[in-house]
Amino acid sequence: MKNIEPYTSNQYAKIPVICGPTASGKSSLALSLCEKVQGELCSCDSMQVYRHMDIGTAKPTRDEQSKVVHHLIDLVDPSDPFNVAQYRQSALDCIADCLHRGKLPVFCGGTGQYVSALALGIEYVNISIDPSVHNELQNEWIQNGMDSLYEELLRIDPLSAAKIHPNNVKRVIRALEIFRQTGKTMTYFNQKSLENGPEYPFALYAIQWDREVLYRRMDERVDQMLSEGLLDEVRRLKDMGLSADATSMQAIGYKELIEYLQKNISLDEAVKQIKQNTRNYGKRQLTWFRNMGKVTWIMPGDAETVLRDIQA
């Protein structure tokens, strides 16, 4: 693990990561912390990497960006592919740049995979799958159904199977593809990816809210995004020719409003779905970060606890 002290005059011993569920106040806390430590804010959000998607991703405003330097936003166009491995490398490059200039990088975001990639030091292996292997599994799924494929995964890789829902076709097939292509299980590669550990000392913090209060904040955020012009933002993306199947368009708020613009549902139904999907996503975020076991839960706005903890 690298040490950040030579770049920060021995003042800070850890790189803070403000994580947790949507609408919990992560951004305001991270901005406050950046101002206190003269730091620079690094996004840890899988949708803020896309250009032209500002309102629905709660991207920092121009005013916020004028007060604190922001990184890892607007990296690619909405039609471009982007994955967690690319994010991790971009984040590591960003950290090295900040520390070299004597700035403390402050990470902020709720994408669990991105946070884990940094905090656990996950090294992603690019495994190329022969098309014949993929086609073979697709045909088996069509002919025999998911039960047969899932039973095979249980036999060869019970640890991975325990983490994958039996009906999650994409993930079950991916795990079997890896085994048939390499002769090694996904569990093997996952364990191998953690051998070296994180490159830097990270400290994770999430903001604790009463569940009902958090849900109310989520609903209010949706209403605010709509009042700020989220529908027009989605309409512009659609007019740019962006496919509804694009990964970027699977973001909450975008996929539901695309359905409305395609006249599949009413606007009221779209808004209702956005709010429900936001709450469901928030539940998954809470589960993810609680299961990580490395997160310190703090009260809203408590930058002082973070500041004390990261000091050398």
Protein backbone atom coordinates (compact mmCIF):
# COMPACT_ATOMS: atom_id res chain seq x y z
CA MET A 1 0.00 0.00 0.00
CA LYS A 2 1.27 3.43 -0.92
CA ASN A 3 1.56 6.11 1.72
CA ILE A 4 -0.03 9.50 1.08
CA GLU A 5 1.99 11.37 3.71
CA PRO A 6 4.91 12.55 1.54
CA TYR A 7 2.45 14.49 -0.61
CA THR A 8 0.44 16.11 2.17
CA SER A 9 3.07 17.34 4.60
CA ASN A 10 2.24 14.54 7.06
CA GLN A 11 -1.13 16.18 7.72
CA TYR A 12 -3.49 13.46 6.47
CA ALA A 13 -3.01 9.72 6.77
CA LYS A 14 -6.10 8.51 4.88
CA ILE A 15 -8.08 9.33 1.76
CA PRO A 16 -11.75 9.87 2.72
CA VAL A 17 -14.60 8.30 0.77
CA ILE A 18 -18.07 9.70 1.50
CA CYS A 19 -20.43 6.92 0.38
CA GLY A 20 -23.90 5.60 1.18
CA PRO A 21 -27.42 5.86 -0.23
CA THR A 22 -28.75 8.46 -2.61
CA ALA A 23 -30.16 11.69 -1.14
CA SER A 24 -28.27 11.23 2.12
CA GLY A 25 -26.30 14.47 1.82
CA LYS A 26 -23.01 12.99 0.62
CA SER A 27 -22.17 15.80 -1.79
CA SER A 28 -22.71 18.65 0.66
CA LEU A 29 -20.61 16.86 3.28
CA ALA A 30 -17.83 16.16 0.78
CA LEU A 31 -17.84 19.77 -0.42
CA SER A 32 -17.61 21.00 3.15
CA LEU A 33 -14.73 18.64 3.82
CA CYS A 34 -12.90 19.75 0.67
CA GLU A 35 -13.12 23.37 1.77
CA LYS A 36 -11.71 22.49 5.19
CA VAL A 37 -8.74 20.50 3.86
CA GLN A 38 -8.23 22.40 0.59
CA GLY A 39 -9.04 19.14 -1.14
CA GLU A 40 -10.44 18.22 -4.53
CA LEU A 41 -13.63 16.23 -4.99
CA CYS A 42 -13.50 12.94 -6.92
CA SER A 43 -16.81 11.44 -8.02
CA CYS A 44 -17.55 7.81 -7.23
CA ASP A 45 -20.76 7.65 -9.27
CA SER A 46 -21.25 5.36 -12.26
CA MET A 47 -23.62 7.76 -14.04
CA GLN A 48 -21.82 11.06 -13.46
CA VAL A 49 -19.11 9.79 -15.81
CA TYR A 50 -21.47 10.48 -18.74
CA ARG A 51 -21.60 13.86 -20.45
CA HIS A 52 -24.98 15.58 -21.00
CA MET A 53 -26.50 13.74 -18.02
CA ASP A 54 -26.46 16.41 -15.35
CA ILE A 55 -29.81 16.79 -13.59
CA GLY A 56 -30.73 13.13 -13.22
CA THR A 57 -27.29 12.18 -11.90
CA ALA A 58 -27.19 15.07 -9.40
CA LYS A 59 -23.95 16.21 -10.99
CA PRO A 60 -22.26 19.14 -9.19
CA THR A 61 -23.50 22.53 -10.33
CA ARG A 62 -21.30 25.17 -11.97
CA ASP A 63 -21.29 27.08 -8.68
CA GLU A 64 -20.12 24.00 -6.77
CA GLN A 65 -17.45 23.32 -9.37
CA SER A 66 -16.24 26.91 -9.14
CA LYS A 67 -15.68 26.53 -5.39
CA VAL A 68 -14.03 23.10 -5.42
CA VAL A 69 -12.19 21.31 -8.23
CA HIS A 70 -14.13 18.20 -9.33
CA HIS A 71 -12.78 15.08 -11.01
CA LEU A 72 -14.14 11.88 -12.63
CA ILE A 73 -17.26 13.47 -14.10
CA ASP A 74 -18.06 13.95 -17.81
CA LEU A 75 -15.50 11.34 -18.87
CA VAL A 76 -17.38 9.74 -21.78
CA ASP A 77 -20.41 10.27 -24.02
CA PRO A 78 -23.65 8.48 -23.03
CA SER A 79 -23.27 6.09 -25.97
CA ASP A 80 -19.74 5.02 -24.95
CA PRO A 81 -19.05 1.87 -22.90
CA PHE A 82 -17.55 2.41 -19.47
CA ASN A 83 -16.94 -0.10 -16.71
CA VAL A 84 -15.64 -0.37 -13.16
CA ALA A 85 -12.15 -1.36 -14.29
CA GLN A 86 -11.89 1.82 -16.35
CA TYR A 87 -13.18 3.82 -13.42
CA ARG A 88 -10.64 2.32 -11.03
CA GLN A 89 -7.72 3.20 -13.29
CA SER A 90 -9.05 6.73 -13.82
CA ALA A 91 -9.47 7.13 -10.07
CA LEU A 92 -5.93 5.94 -9.33
CA ASP A 93 -4.55 8.36 -11.91
CA CYS A 94 -6.61 11.13 -10.32
CA ILE A 95 -5.31 10.32 -6.83
CA ALA A 96 -1.70 10.35 -8.01
CA ASP A 97 -2.22 13.71 -9.70
CA CYS A 98 -3.90 15.29 -6.65
CA LEU A 99 -1.29 14.06 -4.21
CA HIS A 100 1.55 15.15 -6.48
CA ARG A 101 0.12 18.68 -6.37
CA GLY A 102 -0.28 18.54 -2.60
CA LYS A 103 -4.09 18.23 -2.73
CA LEU A 104 -6.09 15.69 -0.75
CA PRO A 105 -8.55 13.78 -2.97
CA VAL A 106 -11.98 13.45 -1.34
CA PHE A 107 -14.14 10.76 -2.93
CA CYS A 108 -17.92 10.99 -2.94
CA GLY A 109 -20.54 8.71 -4.43
CA GLY A 110 -22.96 5.88 -3.93
CA THR A 111 -21.90 3.33 -6.55
CA GLY A 112 -20.95 0.35 -4.41
CA GLN A 113 -18.84 -1.36 -7.07
CA TYR A 114 -16.76 1.77 -7.58
CA VAL A 115 -16.22 2.27 -3.85
CA SER A 116 -15.28 -1.39 -3.37
CA ALA A 117 -12.89 -1.29 -6.32
CA LEU A 118 -10.90 1.45 -4.60
CA ALA A 119 -11.25 0.50 -0.94
CA LEU A 120 -10.53 -3.20 -1.47
CA GLY A 121 -7.98 -2.74 -4.24
CA ILE A 122 -9.81 -5.02 -6.67
CA GLU A 123 -7.73 -5.72 -9.76
CA TYR A 124 -9.99 -6.63 -12.66
CA VAL A 125 -8.86 -9.29 -15.10
CA ASN A 126 -10.10 -8.92 -18.66
CA ILE A 127 -11.27 -12.39 -19.63
CA SER A 128 -12.12 -12.73 -23.31
CA ILE A 129 -14.87 -15.24 -23.98
CA ASP A 130 -14.90 -17.16 -27.25
CA PRO A 131 -18.21 -16.47 -29.05
CA SER A 132 -18.81 -20.21 -29.38
CA VAL A 133 -18.77 -20.56 -25.56
CA HIS A 134 -21.27 -17.73 -25.19
CA ASN A 135 -23.55 -19.11 -27.94
CA GLU A 136 -23.42 -22.58 -26.41
CA LEU A 137 -24.64 -21.30 -23.06
CA GLN A 138 -27.32 -19.15 -24.67
CA ASN A 139 -28.64 -22.20 -26.51
CA GLU A 140 -28.62 -24.27 -23.32
CA TRP A 141 -30.61 -21.56 -21.57
CA ILE A 142 -33.19 -21.47 -24.37
CA GLN A 143 -33.50 -25.24 -24.56
CA ASN A 144 -33.24 -26.25 -20.90
CA GLY A 145 -34.09 -23.11 -18.92
CA MET A 146 -32.28 -21.38 -16.08
CA ASP A 147 -32.66 -24.16 -13.51
CA SER A 148 -30.21 -26.40 -15.37
CA LEU A 149 -27.59 -23.64 -15.72
CA TYR A 150 -27.92 -22.57 -12.11
CA GLU A 151 -27.53 -26.16 -10.90
CA GLU A 152 -24.30 -26.40 -12.91
CA LEU A 153 -23.04 -23.21 -11.28
CA LEU A 154 -23.91 -24.58 -7.85
CA ARG A 155 -21.78 -27.64 -8.58
CA ILE A 156 -18.70 -25.88 -9.93
CA ASP A 157 -18.75 -22.61 -7.97
CA PRO A 158 -21.11 -22.65 -4.95
CA LEU A 159 -19.68 -19.41 -3.53
CA SER A 160 -20.52 -17.46 -6.68
CA ALA A 161 -23.88 -19.18 -6.97
CA ALA A 162 -24.76 -18.05 -3.43
CA LYS A 163 -24.23 -14.42 -4.50
CA ILE A 164 -26.24 -14.63 -7.72
CA HIS A 165 -30.02 -14.84 -7.92
CA PRO A 166 -31.11 -18.00 -9.79
CA ASN A 167 -33.12 -15.86 -12.23
CA ASN A 168 -30.27 -13.46 -13.05
CA VAL A 169 -29.58 -14.86 -16.52
CA LYS A 170 -26.75 -12.47 -17.39
CA ARG A 171 -24.68 -13.11 -14.25
CA VAL A 172 -25.23 -16.89 -14.18
CA ILE A 173 -24.18 -17.21 -17.80
CA ARG A 174 -21.17 -14.93 -17.23
CA ALA A 175 -19.95 -17.11 -14.33
CA LEU A 176 -20.31 -20.26 -16.44
CA GLU A 177 -18.61 -18.61 -19.41
CA ILE A 178 -15.57 -17.83 -17.28
CA PHE A 179 -15.34 -21.42 -16.04
CA ARG A 180 -15.77 -23.01 -19.45
CA GLN A 181 -13.30 -20.60 -21.05
CA THR A 182 -10.55 -20.78 -18.40
CA GLY A 183 -11.19 -23.88 -16.31
CA LYS A 184 -11.20 -21.64 -13.23
CA THR A 185 -14.17 -20.28 -11.31
CA MET A 186 -15.30 -16.71 -10.85
CA THR A 187 -14.57 -17.16 -7.13
CA TYR A 188 -10.95 -17.96 -7.98
CA PHE A 189 -10.58 -14.77 -10.03
CA ASN A 190 -12.37 -12.69 -7.37
CA GLN A 191 -10.02 -13.92 -4.66
CA LYS A 192 -7.02 -13.43 -6.92
CA SER A 193 -8.09 -9.85 -7.58
CA LEU A 194 -7.82 -8.97 -3.87
CA GLU A 195 -4.34 -10.35 -3.23
CA ASN A 196 -2.46 -7.05 -3.40
CA GLY A 197 -4.99 -4.97 -1.45
CA PRO A 198 -5.72 -1.25 -1.94
CA GLU A 199 -3.09 1.07 -3.35
CA TYR A 200 -3.76 3.77 -0.75
CA PRO A 201 -5.21 3.94 2.79
CA PHE A 202 -8.90 4.74 2.34
CA ALA A 203 -11.40 5.59 5.06
CA LEU A 204 -15.11 5.14 4.28
CA TYR A 205 -17.95 7.17 5.80
CA ALA A 206 -21.72 7.04 5.25
CA ILE A 207 -24.45 9.28 6.62
CA GLN A 208 -26.99 7.66 8.92
CA TRP A 209 -30.67 8.62 8.56
CA ASP A 210 -33.95 7.30 9.88
CA ARG A 211 -35.34 5.17 7.04
CA GLU A 212 -38.56 7.15 6.62
CA VAL A 213 -36.72 10.47 6.64
CA LEU A 214 -34.32 9.16 3.99
CA TYR A 215 -37.22 8.02 1.78
CA ARG A 216 -38.84 11.43 2.09
CA ARG A 217 -35.56 13.06 1.05
CA MET A 218 -35.44 10.74 -1.96
CA ASP A 219 -38.96 11.73 -3.04
CA GLU A 220 -38.10 15.40 -2.61
CA ARG A 221 -34.99 14.97 -4.71
CA VAL A 222 -37.01 13.45 -7.54
CA ASP A 223 -39.46 16.37 -7.41
CA GLN A 224 -36.56 18.82 -7.46
CA MET A 225 -34.93 17.14 -10.47
CA LEU A 226 -38.20 17.29 -12.37
CA SER A 227 -38.63 20.98 -11.54
CA GLU A 228 -35.08 21.63 -12.74
CA GLY A 229 -35.86 20.14 -16.15
CA LEU A 230 -35.07 16.43 -16.00
CA LEU A 231 -37.72 15.62 -18.61
CA ASP A 232 -36.19 18.08 -21.06
CA GLU A 233 -32.75 16.59 -20.38
CA VAL A 234 -34.02 13.10 -21.22
CA ARG A 235 -35.79 14.44 -24.31
CA ARG A 236 -32.53 16.00 -25.53
CA LEU A 237 -30.69 12.70 -25.06
CA LYS A 238 -33.41 10.89 -27.00
CA ASP A 239 -33.19 13.49 -29.78
CA MET A 240 -29.42 12.89 -29.92
CA GLY A 241 -30.26 9.39 -31.09
CA LEU A 242 -29.27 7.66 -27.88
CA SER A 243 -30.77 4.17 -27.70
CA ALA A 244 -33.07 3.32 -24.80
CA ASP A 245 -30.96 0.16 -24.43
CA ALA A 246 -27.73 2.09 -23.78
CA THR A 247 -26.18 1.45 -20.37
CA SER A 248 -26.38 5.15 -19.54
CA MET A 249 -30.12 5.13 -20.17
CA GLN A 250 -30.65 2.47 -17.52
CA ALA A 251 -30.06 5.13 -14.86
CA ILE A 252 -33.03 5.79 -12.61
CA GLY A 253 -35.00 8.77 -13.87
CA TYR A 254 -33.86 8.32 -17.43
CA LYS A 255 -35.26 4.87 -18.20
CA GLU A 256 -38.68 5.74 -16.78
CA LEU A 257 -38.96 9.04 -18.65
CA ILE A 258 -37.82 7.37 -21.87
CA GLU A 259 -40.79 5.02 -21.39
CA TYR A 260 -43.03 8.09 -21.07
CA LEU A 261 -41.56 9.74 -24.18
CA GLN A 262 -42.15 6.50 -26.08
CA LYS A 263 -45.78 6.75 -24.94
CA ASN A 264 -45.62 3.45 -23.07
CA ILE A 265 -46.67 4.97 -19.72
CA SER A 266 -48.14 8.23 -18.45
CA LEU A 267 -46.00 10.95 -16.89
CA ASP A 268 -47.62 10.34 -13.50
CA GLU A 269 -46.75 6.65 -13.72
CA ALA A 270 -43.18 7.48 -14.77
CA VAL A 271 -42.72 9.76 -11.76
CA LYS A 272 -44.21 7.13 -9.47
CA GLN A 273 -41.79 4.54 -10.84
CA ILE A 274 -38.81 6.88 -10.45
CA LYS A 275 -39.60 7.40 -6.78
CA GLN A 276 -40.15 3.69 -6.11
CA ASN A 277 -37.03 2.67 -8.03
CA THR A 278 -35.02 5.30 -6.16
CA ARG A 279 -36.13 3.86 -2.82
CA ASN A 280 -35.36 0.32 -4.00
CA TYR A 281 -31.90 1.43 -5.12
CA GLY A 282 -31.36 3.15 -1.78
CA LYS A 283 -32.13 -0.13 0.01
CA ARG A 284 -29.57 -1.94 -2.12
CA GLN A 285 -26.99 0.76 -1.40
CA LEU A 286 -27.58 0.47 2.33
CA THR A 287 -27.19 -3.31 2.13
CA TRP A 288 -24.00 -3.03 0.07
CA PHE A 289 -22.23 -0.58 2.36
CA ARG A 290 -23.33 -2.29 5.57
CA ASN A 291 -22.02 -5.59 4.23
CA MET A 292 -18.66 -4.06 3.35
CA GLY A 293 -17.81 -3.85 7.05
CA LYS A 294 -15.36 -0.99 6.50
CA VAL A 295 -17.79 1.92 6.70
CA THR A 296 -18.07 4.37 9.59
CA TRP A 297 -21.64 5.66 9.90
CA ILE A 298 -21.87 9.32 10.90
CA MET A 299 -24.56 11.92 11.52
CA PRO A 300 -25.64 14.30 8.73
CA GLY A 301 -23.16 17.11 8.13
CA ASP A 302 -20.56 15.67 10.50
CA ALA A 303 -17.42 16.70 8.64
CA GLU A 304 -15.53 17.12 11.90
CA THR A 305 -15.56 13.39 12.68
CA VAL A 306 -14.15 12.65 9.24
CA LEU A 307 -11.56 15.39 9.59
CA ARG A 308 -10.33 14.08 12.94
CA ASP A 309 -10.18 10.52 11.68
CA ILE A 310 -8.15 11.15 8.53
CA GLN A 311 -5.52 13.29 10.22
CA ALA A 312 -2.17 11.68 10.79
